[in-house]
């Protein structure tokens, strides 16, 4: 795996890692499994994908978590 680490990758990792950490902490304190898993997934995605794909995957994970919570899971 060839990482192209540039300033865009670092900023995207910082932002999406922080969002994932927030989801994780919220899920932990509320004892809610969906935000907890979404936080772990967002944090993991921020380390392995390039900036554009990381952004798209992070948005998809947040929308999926919101949709699952709206469905009552």
PDB file of N, CA and C in Angstrom:
ATOM      1  N   UNK A   1       0.848  -1.171   0.000  1.00  0.00           N
ATOM      2  CA  UNK A   1       0.000   0.000   0.000  1.00  0.00           C
ATOM      3  C   UNK A   1       0.890   1.229   0.000  1.00  0.00           C
ATOM      4  N   UNK A   2       0.706   2.046  -1.016  1.00  0.00           N
ATOM      5  CA  UNK A   2       1.524   3.238  -1.163  1.00  0.00           C
ATOM      6  C   UNK A   2       0.734   4.448  -0.672  1.00  0.00           C
ATOM      7  N   UNK A   3       1.161   5.031   0.408  1.00  0.00           N
ATOM      8  CA  UNK A   3       0.486   6.206   0.943  1.00  0.00           C
ATOM      9  C   UNK A   3       1.087   7.457   0.320  1.00  0.00           C
ATOM     10  N   UNK A   4       0.234   8.299  -0.184  1.00  0.00           N
ATOM     11  CA  UNK A   4       0.647   9.596  -0.679  1.00  0.00           C
ATOM     12  C   UNK A   4       0.290  10.618   0.391  1.00  0.00           C
ATOM     13  N   UNK A   5       1.174  10.782   1.337  1.00  0.00           N
ATOM     14  CA  UNK A   5       0.892  11.668   2.466  1.00  0.00           C
ATOM     15  C   UNK A   5       1.238  13.101   2.065  1.00  0.00           C
ATOM     16  N   UNK A   6       0.202  13.905   1.965  1.00  0.00           N
ATOM     17  CA  UNK A   6       0.374  15.326   1.687  1.00  0.00           C
ATOM     18  C   UNK A   6      -0.494  16.107   2.662  1.00  0.00           C
ATOM     19  N   UNK A   7      -0.554  17.404   2.479  1.00  0.00           N
ATOM     20  CA  UNK A   7      -1.304  18.217   3.432  1.00  0.00           C
ATOM     21  C   UNK A   7      -2.799  17.931   3.391  1.00  0.00           C
ATOM     22  N   UNK A   8      -3.348  17.563   2.249  1.00  0.00           N
ATOM     23  CA  UNK A   8      -4.779  17.258   2.157  1.00  0.00           C
ATOM     24  C   UNK A   8      -5.110  15.992   2.942  1.00  0.00           C
ATOM     25  N   UNK A   9      -4.256  14.985   2.813  1.00  0.00           N
ATOM     26  CA  UNK A   9      -4.460  13.740   3.561  1.00  0.00           C
ATOM     27  C   UNK A   9      -4.395  13.989   5.059  1.00  0.00           C
ATOM     28  N   UNK A  10      -3.436  14.781   5.489  1.00  0.00           N
ATOM     29  CA  UNK A  10      -3.281  15.054   6.920  1.00  0.00           C
ATOM     30  C   UNK A  10      -4.470  15.838   7.479  1.00  0.00           C
ATOM     31  N   UNK A  11      -4.942  16.853   6.741  1.00  0.00           N
ATOM     32  CA  UNK A  11      -6.094  17.624   7.217  1.00  0.00           C
ATOM     33  C   UNK A  11      -7.358  16.779   7.246  1.00  0.00           C
ATOM     34  N   UNK A  12      -7.562  15.991   6.197  1.00  0.00           N
ATOM     35  CA  UNK A  12      -8.754  15.139   6.158  1.00  0.00           C
ATOM     36  C   UNK A  12      -8.702  14.107   7.286  1.00  0.00           C
ATOM     37  N   UNK A  13      -7.530  13.546   7.545  1.00  0.00           N
ATOM     38  CA  UNK A  13      -7.389  12.589   8.646  1.00  0.00           C
ATOM     39  C   UNK A  13      -7.675  13.247   9.986  1.00  0.00           C
ATOM     40  N   UNK A  14      -7.193  14.453  10.166  1.00  0.00           N
ATOM     41  CA  UNK A  14      -7.432  15.181  11.409  1.00  0.00           C
ATOM     42  C   UNK A  14      -8.921  15.449  11.619  1.00  0.00           C
ATOM     43  N   UNK A  15      -9.576  15.952  10.589  1.00  0.00           N
ATOM     44  CA  UNK A  15     -10.991  16.306  10.719  1.00  0.00           C
ATOM     45  C   UNK A  15     -11.848  15.072  10.937  1.00  0.00           C
ATOM     46  N   UNK A  16     -11.710  14.050  10.074  1.00  0.00           N
ATOM     47  CA  UNK A  16     -12.573  12.869  10.183  1.00  0.00           C
ATOM     48  C   UNK A  16     -12.207  12.018  11.392  1.00  0.00           C
ATOM     49  N   UNK A  17     -10.957  12.032  11.815  1.00  0.00           N
ATOM     50  CA  UNK A  17     -10.604  11.352  13.058  1.00  0.00           C
ATOM     51  C   UNK A  17     -11.233  12.018  14.270  1.00  0.00           C
ATOM     52  N   UNK A  18     -11.295  13.353  14.257  1.00  0.00           N
ATOM     53  CA  UNK A  18     -11.940  14.089  15.355  1.00  0.00           C
ATOM     54  C   UNK A  18     -13.444  13.838  15.376  1.00  0.00           C
ATOM     55  N   UNK A  19     -14.069  13.814  14.207  1.00  0.00           N
ATOM     56  CA  UNK A  19     -15.504  13.523  14.142  1.00  0.00           C
ATOM     57  C   UNK A  19     -15.776  12.105  14.633  1.00  0.00           C
ATOM     58  N   UNK A  20     -14.939  11.161  14.210  1.00  0.00           N
ATOM     59  CA  UNK A  20     -15.088   9.775  14.660  1.00  0.00           C
ATOM     60  C   UNK A  20     -14.894   9.631  16.157  1.00  0.00           C
ATOM     61  N   UNK A  21     -13.939  10.363  16.701  1.00  0.00           N
ATOM     62  CA  UNK A  21     -13.728  10.329  18.144  1.00  0.00           C
ATOM     63  C   UNK A  21     -14.927  10.889  18.890  1.00  0.00           C
ATOM     64  N   UNK A  22     -15.534  11.929  18.339  1.00  0.00           N
ATOM     65  CA  UNK A  22     -16.739  12.491  18.954  1.00  0.00           C
ATOM     66  C   UNK A  22     -17.890  11.503  18.948  1.00  0.00           C
ATOM     67  N   UNK A  23     -18.079  10.820  17.820  1.00  0.00           N
ATOM     68  CA  UNK A  23     -19.114   9.787  17.758  1.00  0.00           C
ATOM     69  C   UNK A  23     -18.823   8.684  18.771  1.00  0.00           C
ATOM     70  N   UNK A  24     -17.567   8.271  18.872  1.00  0.00           N
ATOM     71  CA  UNK A  24     -17.180   7.215  19.799  1.00  0.00           C
ATOM     72  C   UNK A  24     -17.481   7.606  21.242  1.00  0.00           C
ATOM     73  N   UNK A  25     -17.088   8.822  21.621  1.00  0.00           N
ATOM     74  CA  UNK A  25     -17.322   9.289  22.994  1.00  0.00           C
ATOM     75  C   UNK A  25     -18.812   9.404  23.280  1.00  0.00           C
ATOM     76  N   UNK A  26     -19.574   9.917  22.314  1.00  0.00           N
ATOM     77  CA  UNK A  26     -21.028  10.022  22.491  1.00  0.00           C
ATOM     78  C   UNK A  26     -21.640   8.638  22.680  1.00  0.00           C
ATOM     79  N   UNK A  27     -21.254   7.689  21.826  1.00  0.00           N
ATOM     80  CA  UNK A  27     -21.778   6.326  21.944  1.00  0.00           C
ATOM     81  C   UNK A  27     -21.395   5.671  23.256  1.00  0.00           C
ATOM     82  N   UNK A  28     -20.192   5.933  23.723  1.00  0.00           N
ATOM     83  CA  UNK A  28     -19.711   5.354  24.977  1.00  0.00           C
ATOM     84  C   UNK A  28     -20.520   5.903  26.163  1.00  0.00           C
ATOM     85  N   UNK A  29     -20.704   7.211  26.198  1.00  0.00           N
ATOM     86  CA  UNK A  29     -21.410   7.826  27.338  1.00  0.00           C
ATOM     87  C   UNK A  29     -22.904   7.548  27.331  1.00  0.00           C
ATOM     88  N   UNK A  30     -23.501   7.434  26.148  1.00  0.00           N
ATOM     89  CA  UNK A  30     -24.933   7.177  26.055  1.00  0.00           C
ATOM     90  C   UNK A  30     -25.252   5.685  26.051  1.00  0.00           C
ATOM     91  N   UNK A  31     -24.228   4.855  26.044  1.00  0.00           N
ATOM     92  CA  UNK A  31     -24.397   3.399  25.965  1.00  0.00           C
ATOM     93  C   UNK A  31     -25.193   3.020  24.713  1.00  0.00           C
ATOM     94  N   UNK A  32     -24.897   3.687  23.609  1.00  0.00           N
ATOM     95  CA  UNK A  32     -25.562   3.439  22.331  1.00  0.00           C
ATOM     96  C   UNK A  32     -24.561   2.781  21.385  1.00  0.00           C
ATOM     97  N   UNK A  33     -24.917   1.633  20.850  1.00  0.00           N
ATOM     98  CA  UNK A  33     -23.966   0.869  20.043  1.00  0.00           C
ATOM     99  C   UNK A  33     -23.755   1.444  18.643  1.00  0.00           C
ATOM    100  N   UNK A  34     -24.786   2.018  18.028  1.00  0.00           N
ATOM    101  CA  UNK A  34     -24.650   2.532  16.661  1.00  0.00           C
ATOM    102  C   UNK A  34     -23.629   3.677  16.595  1.00  0.00           C
ATOM    103  N   UNK A  35     -23.721   4.726  17.415  1.00  0.00           N
ATOM    104  CA  UNK A  35     -22.694   5.774  17.355  1.00  0.00           C
ATOM    105  C   UNK A  35     -21.315   5.268  17.771  1.00  0.00           C
ATOM    106  N   UNK A  36     -21.268   4.302  18.671  1.00  0.00           N
ATOM    107  CA  UNK A  36     -19.981   3.754  19.098  1.00  0.00           C
ATOM    108  C   UNK A  36     -19.283   3.062  17.934  1.00  0.00           C
ATOM    109  N   UNK A  37     -20.003   2.224  17.220  1.00  0.00           N
ATOM    110  CA  UNK A  37     -19.433   1.513  16.071  1.00  0.00           C
ATOM    111  C   UNK A  37     -19.110   2.495  14.950  1.00  0.00           C
ATOM    112  N   UNK A  38     -19.978   3.478  14.731  1.00  0.00           N
ATOM    113  CA  UNK A  38     -19.725   4.488  13.705  1.00  0.00           C
ATOM    114  C   UNK A  38     -18.461   5.283  14.036  1.00  0.00           C
ATOM    115  N   UNK A  39     -18.250   5.591  15.293  1.00  0.00           N
ATOM    116  CA  UNK A  39     -17.040   6.309  15.692  1.00  0.00           C
ATOM    117  C   UNK A  39     -15.783   5.515  15.444  1.00  0.00           C
ATOM    118  N   UNK A  40     -15.825   4.233  15.756  1.00  0.00           N
ATOM    119  CA  UNK A  40     -14.665   3.370  15.490  1.00  0.00           C
ATOM    120  C   UNK A  40     -14.424   3.279  13.988  1.00  0.00           C
ATOM    121  N   UNK A  41     -15.505   3.145  13.211  1.00  0.00           N
ATOM    122  CA  UNK A  41     -15.365   3.040  11.753  1.00  0.00           C
ATOM    123  C   UNK A  41     -14.807   4.336  11.159  1.00  0.00           C
ATOM    124  N   UNK A  42     -15.306   5.482  11.609  1.00  0.00           N
ATOM    125  CA  UNK A  42     -14.806   6.759  11.097  1.00  0.00           C
ATOM    126  C   UNK A  42     -13.336   6.958  11.445  1.00  0.00           C
ATOM    127  N   UNK A  43     -12.958   6.597  12.641  1.00  0.00           N
ATOM    128  CA  UNK A  43     -11.569   6.747  13.048  1.00  0.00           C
ATOM    129  C   UNK A  43     -10.665   5.817  12.245  1.00  0.00           C
ATOM    130  N   UNK A  44     -11.123   4.586  12.000  1.00  0.00           N
ATOM    131  CA  UNK A  44     -10.325   3.639  11.215  1.00  0.00           C
ATOM    132  C   UNK A  44     -10.218   4.086   9.756  1.00  0.00           C
ATOM    133  N   UNK A  45     -11.318   4.586   9.204  1.00  0.00           N
ATOM    134  CA  UNK A  45     -11.307   5.032   7.809  1.00  0.00           C
ATOM    135  C   UNK A  45     -10.324   6.180   7.628  1.00  0.00           C
ATOM    136  N   UNK A  46     -10.199   7.025   8.627  1.00  0.00           N
ATOM    137  CA  UNK A  46      -9.337   8.201   8.488  1.00  0.00           C
ATOM    138  C   UNK A  46      -7.853   7.850   8.377  1.00  0.00           C
ATOM    139  N   UNK A  47      -7.482   6.626   8.677  1.00  0.00           N
ATOM    140  CA  UNK A  47      -6.075   6.242   8.583  1.00  0.00           C
ATOM    141  C   UNK A  47      -5.737   5.472   7.319  1.00  0.00           C
ATOM    142  N   UNK A  48      -6.721   4.912   6.630  1.00  0.00           N
ATOM    143  CA  UNK A  48      -6.411   3.979   5.553  1.00  0.00           C
ATOM    144  C   UNK A  48      -6.794   4.439   4.154  1.00  0.00           C
ATOM    145  N   UNK A  49      -7.616   5.442   4.015  1.00  0.00           N
ATOM    146  CA  UNK A  49      -8.073   5.856   2.696  1.00  0.00           C
ATOM    147  C   UNK A  49      -7.487   7.203   2.302  1.00  0.00           C
ATOM    148  N   UNK A  50      -7.338   7.434   0.987  1.00  0.00           N
ATOM    149  CA  UNK A  50      -6.929   8.771   0.534  1.00  0.00           C
ATOM    150  C   UNK A  50      -7.997   9.811   0.880  1.00  0.00           C
ATOM    151  N   UNK A  51      -7.655  11.070   0.797  1.00  0.00           N
ATOM    152  CA  UNK A  51      -8.502  12.153   1.303  1.00  0.00           C
ATOM    153  C   UNK A  51      -9.902  12.157   0.693  1.00  0.00           C
ATOM    154  N   UNK A  52     -10.040  12.028  -0.613  1.00  0.00           N
ATOM    155  CA  UNK A  52     -11.359  12.079  -1.234  1.00  0.00           C
ATOM    156  C   UNK A  52     -12.209  10.889  -0.819  1.00  0.00           C
ATOM    157  N   UNK A  53     -11.651   9.699  -0.894  1.00  0.00           N
ATOM    158  CA  UNK A  53     -12.412   8.498  -0.522  1.00  0.00           C
ATOM    159  C   UNK A  53     -12.711   8.481   0.964  1.00  0.00           C
ATOM    160  N   UNK A  54     -11.798   9.029   1.751  1.00  0.00           N
ATOM    161  CA  UNK A  54     -12.021   9.116   3.189  1.00  0.00           C
ATOM    162  C   UNK A  54     -13.216  10.016   3.481  1.00  0.00           C
ATOM    163  N   UNK A  55     -13.304  11.126   2.793  1.00  0.00           N
ATOM    164  CA  UNK A  55     -14.416  12.046   2.987  1.00  0.00           C
ATOM    165  C   UNK A  55     -15.734  11.399   2.588  1.00  0.00           C
ATOM    166  N   UNK A  56     -15.758  10.748   1.440  1.00  0.00           N
ATOM    167  CA  UNK A  56     -16.985  10.100   0.979  1.00  0.00           C
ATOM    168  C   UNK A  56     -17.407   8.961   1.906  1.00  0.00           C
ATOM    169  N   UNK A  57     -16.441   8.149   2.341  1.00  0.00           N
ATOM    170  CA  UNK A  57     -16.760   7.043   3.248  1.00  0.00           C
ATOM    171  C   UNK A  57     -17.227   7.563   4.602  1.00  0.00           C
ATOM    172  N   UNK A  58     -16.612   8.619   5.102  1.00  0.00           N
ATOM    173  CA  UNK A  58     -17.003   9.180   6.393  1.00  0.00           C
ATOM    174  C   UNK A  58     -18.420   9.745   6.341  1.00  0.00           C
ATOM    175  N   UNK A  59     -18.746  10.437   5.269  1.00  0.00           N
ATOM    176  CA  UNK A  59     -20.100  10.966   5.128  1.00  0.00           C
ATOM    177  C   UNK A  59     -21.103   9.830   5.038  1.00  0.00           C
ATOM    178  N   UNK A  60     -20.759   8.774   4.302  1.00  0.00           N
ATOM    179  CA  UNK A  60     -21.660   7.621   4.184  1.00  0.00           C
ATOM    180  C   UNK A  60     -21.878   6.952   5.536  1.00  0.00           C
ATOM    181  N   UNK A  61     -20.838   6.827   6.346  1.00  0.00           N
ATOM    182  CA  UNK A  61     -20.960   6.218   7.666  1.00  0.00           C
ATOM    183  C   UNK A  61     -21.830   7.077   8.577  1.00  0.00           C
ATOM    184  N   UNK A  62     -21.658   8.405   8.529  1.00  0.00           N
ATOM    185  CA  UNK A  62     -22.476   9.278   9.367  1.00  0.00           C
ATOM    186  C   UNK A  62     -23.949   9.238   8.955  1.00  0.00           C
ATOM    187  N   UNK A  63     -24.219   9.204   7.646  1.00  0.00           N
ATOM    188  CA  UNK A  63     -25.604   9.118   7.173  1.00  0.00           C
ATOM    189  C   UNK A  63     -26.214   7.783   7.576  1.00  0.00           C
ATOM    190  N   UNK A  64     -25.439   6.706   7.470  1.00  0.00           N
ATOM    191  CA  UNK A  64     -25.949   5.387   7.864  1.00  0.00           C
ATOM    192  C   UNK A  64     -26.256   5.344   9.362  1.00  0.00           C
ATOM    193  N   UNK A  65     -25.396   5.935  10.181  1.00  0.00           N
ATOM    194  CA  UNK A  65     -25.646   5.970  11.625  1.00  0.00           C
ATOM    195  C   UNK A  65     -26.896   6.787  11.935  1.00  0.00           C
ATOM    196  N   UNK A  66     -27.056   7.932  11.271  1.00  0.00           N
ATOM    197  CA  UNK A  66     -28.245   8.753  11.470  1.00  0.00           C
ATOM    198  C   UNK A  66     -29.499   7.997  11.057  1.00  0.00           C
ATOM    199  N   UNK A  67     -29.449   7.317   9.911  1.00  0.00           N
ATOM    200  CA  UNK A  67     -30.607   6.581   9.414  1.00  0.00           C
ATOM    201  C   UNK A  67     -30.978   5.433  10.352  1.00  0.00           C
ATOM    202  N   UNK A  68     -29.970   4.698  10.841  1.00  0.00           N
ATOM    203  CA  UNK A  68     -30.252   3.595  11.776  1.00  0.00           C
ATOM    204  C   UNK A  68     -30.864   4.104  13.068  1.00  0.00           C
ATOM    205  N   UNK A  69     -30.377   5.233  13.568  1.00  0.00           N
ATOM    206  CA  UNK A  69     -30.954   5.791  14.794  1.00  0.00           C
ATOM    207  C   UNK A  69     -32.382   6.269  14.552  1.00  0.00           C
ATOM    208  N   UNK A  70     -32.660   6.824  13.376  1.00  0.00           N
ATOM    209  CA  UNK A  70     -34.021   7.246  13.047  1.00  0.00           C
ATOM    210  C   UNK A  70     -34.967   6.055  12.949  1.00  0.00           C
ATOM    211  N   UNK A  71     -34.437   4.887  12.530  1.00  0.00           N
ATOM    212  CA  UNK A  71     -35.251   3.679  12.406  1.00  0.00           C
ATOM    213  C   UNK A  71     -35.509   3.040  13.760  1.00  0.00           C
ATOM    214  N   UNK A  72     -34.805   3.471  14.780  1.00  0.00           N
ATOM    215  CA  UNK A  72     -35.045   2.972  16.123  1.00  0.00           C
ATOM    216  C   UNK A  72     -34.080   1.899  16.588  1.00  0.00           C
ATOM    217  N   UNK A  73     -32.957   1.743  15.918  1.00  0.00           N
ATOM    218  CA  UNK A  73     -31.995   0.723  16.326  1.00  0.00           C
ATOM    219  C   UNK A  73     -31.135   1.224  17.415  1.00  0.00           C
TER     220      UNK A  73
END
